[in-house]
N, C-alpha and C. Protein backbone atom coordinates (compact mmCIF):
# COMPACT_ATOMS: atom_id res chain seq x y z
N UNK A 1 216.35 132.52 23.15
CA UNK A 1 214.89 132.40 23.01
C UNK A 1 214.43 130.96 23.20
N UNK A 2 214.76 130.10 22.24
CA UNK A 2 214.26 128.73 22.29
C UNK A 2 215.01 127.85 23.28
N UNK A 3 216.26 128.24 23.60
CA UNK A 3 217.04 127.38 24.49
C UNK A 3 216.41 127.32 25.88
N UNK A 4 215.83 128.44 26.34
CA UNK A 4 215.20 128.44 27.66
C UNK A 4 214.05 127.45 27.71
N UNK A 5 213.23 127.44 26.67
CA UNK A 5 212.11 126.50 26.63
C UNK A 5 212.62 125.06 26.59
N UNK A 6 213.69 124.83 25.84
CA UNK A 6 214.23 123.48 25.73
C UNK A 6 214.73 123.00 27.09
N UNK A 7 215.45 123.87 27.80
CA UNK A 7 215.99 123.49 29.11
C UNK A 7 214.83 123.25 30.08
N UNK A 8 213.86 124.14 30.10
CA UNK A 8 212.74 123.99 31.04
C UNK A 8 211.96 122.72 30.75
N UNK A 9 211.73 122.43 29.47
CA UNK A 9 210.98 121.22 29.11
C UNK A 9 211.78 119.98 29.47
N UNK A 10 213.09 120.01 29.27
CA UNK A 10 213.90 118.84 29.54
C UNK A 10 213.98 118.58 31.03
N UNK A 11 214.06 119.64 31.83
CA UNK A 11 214.22 119.45 33.27
C UNK A 11 212.89 119.05 33.92
N UNK A 12 211.81 119.71 33.53
CA UNK A 12 210.53 119.48 34.19
C UNK A 12 209.62 118.54 33.40
N UNK A 13 210.09 118.05 32.25
CA UNK A 13 209.25 117.18 31.42
C UNK A 13 209.12 115.79 32.03
N UNK A 14 208.05 115.08 31.71
CA UNK A 14 207.86 113.73 32.25
C UNK A 14 208.87 112.73 31.69
N UNK A 15 209.40 113.02 30.49
CA UNK A 15 210.36 112.11 29.87
C UNK A 15 211.76 112.73 29.91
N UNK A 16 212.07 113.38 31.02
CA UNK A 16 213.35 114.11 31.11
C UNK A 16 214.53 113.15 30.93
N UNK A 17 214.49 112.00 31.59
CA UNK A 17 215.63 111.10 31.53
C UNK A 17 215.79 110.49 30.14
N UNK A 18 214.67 110.05 29.54
CA UNK A 18 214.77 109.39 28.24
C UNK A 18 215.14 110.38 27.14
N UNK A 19 214.62 111.62 27.23
CA UNK A 19 214.87 112.59 26.17
C UNK A 19 216.05 113.49 26.51
N UNK A 20 216.86 113.09 27.48
CA UNK A 20 217.97 113.94 27.89
C UNK A 20 218.95 114.13 26.74
N UNK A 21 219.41 113.03 26.14
CA UNK A 21 220.39 113.12 25.06
C UNK A 21 219.78 113.81 23.84
N UNK A 22 218.53 113.47 23.53
CA UNK A 22 217.87 114.07 22.37
C UNK A 22 217.72 115.58 22.57
N UNK A 23 217.25 115.98 23.76
CA UNK A 23 217.10 117.41 24.04
C UNK A 23 218.43 118.12 24.02
N UNK A 24 219.48 117.46 24.50
CA UNK A 24 220.80 118.09 24.49
C UNK A 24 221.27 118.31 23.06
N UNK A 25 220.96 117.36 22.16
CA UNK A 25 221.35 117.52 20.76
C UNK A 25 220.65 118.72 20.13
N UNK A 26 219.36 118.87 20.39
CA UNK A 26 218.61 120.01 19.85
C UNK A 26 219.16 121.30 20.44
N UNK A 27 219.42 121.29 21.75
CA UNK A 27 219.92 122.48 22.40
C UNK A 27 221.27 122.88 21.82
N UNK A 28 222.13 121.89 21.56
CA UNK A 28 223.45 122.17 21.00
C UNK A 28 223.32 122.75 19.60
N UNK A 29 222.42 122.18 18.78
CA UNK A 29 222.22 122.71 17.44
C UNK A 29 221.73 124.15 17.50
N UNK A 30 220.72 124.43 18.34
CA UNK A 30 220.20 125.79 18.44
C UNK A 30 221.28 126.74 18.94
N UNK A 31 222.12 126.27 19.88
CA UNK A 31 223.18 127.13 20.41
C UNK A 31 224.18 127.47 19.31
N UNK A 32 224.57 126.46 18.51
CA UNK A 32 225.53 126.71 17.44
C UNK A 32 224.94 127.65 16.40
N UNK A 33 223.66 127.46 16.05
CA UNK A 33 223.02 128.34 15.07
C UNK A 33 222.94 129.76 15.62
N UNK A 34 222.57 129.88 16.91
CA UNK A 34 222.47 131.21 17.52
C UNK A 34 223.82 131.91 17.55
N UNK A 35 224.86 131.17 17.87
CA UNK A 35 226.20 131.77 17.90
C UNK A 35 226.62 132.20 16.50
N UNK A 36 226.34 131.36 15.50
CA UNK A 36 226.71 131.70 14.13
C UNK A 36 225.98 132.96 13.68
N UNK A 37 224.67 133.04 13.96
CA UNK A 37 223.90 134.22 13.55
C UNK A 37 224.39 135.46 14.30
N UNK A 38 224.60 135.31 15.61
CA UNK A 38 225.07 136.45 16.40
C UNK A 38 226.44 136.94 15.93
N UNK A 39 227.35 136.01 15.63
CA UNK A 39 228.67 136.39 15.16
C UNK A 39 228.58 137.07 13.80
N UNK A 40 227.70 136.55 12.93
CA UNK A 40 227.54 137.13 11.61
C UNK A 40 226.99 138.55 11.71
N UNK A 41 225.99 138.76 12.57
CA UNK A 41 225.44 140.10 12.74
C UNK A 41 226.48 141.04 13.34
N UNK A 42 227.30 140.53 14.27
CA UNK A 42 228.33 141.36 14.87
C UNK A 42 229.34 141.81 13.81
N UNK A 43 229.76 140.86 12.97
CA UNK A 43 230.72 141.20 11.91
C UNK A 43 230.08 142.17 10.92
N UNK A 44 228.79 141.95 10.62
CA UNK A 44 228.10 142.83 9.66
C UNK A 44 228.08 144.26 10.19
N UNK A 45 227.72 144.45 11.46
CA UNK A 45 227.67 145.81 12.01
C UNK A 45 229.08 146.38 12.15
N UNK A 46 230.06 145.52 12.43
CA UNK A 46 231.42 146.02 12.59
C UNK A 46 232.01 146.45 11.25
N UNK A 47 231.73 145.68 10.20
CA UNK A 47 232.28 146.01 8.89
C UNK A 47 231.56 147.22 8.29
N UNK A 48 230.21 147.25 8.41
CA UNK A 48 229.46 148.35 7.83
C UNK A 48 228.95 149.26 8.93
């Protein structure tokens, strides 16, 4: 969901070069949170 907007903003944004590292950090955090939530939901449905 949010990662697409982050990538699009970082690529087409006016401050793409300066905010590259910052945007990558946010993207990485969102990706890790999304993976954790997805894995947790997968385990929840698998167990129950």
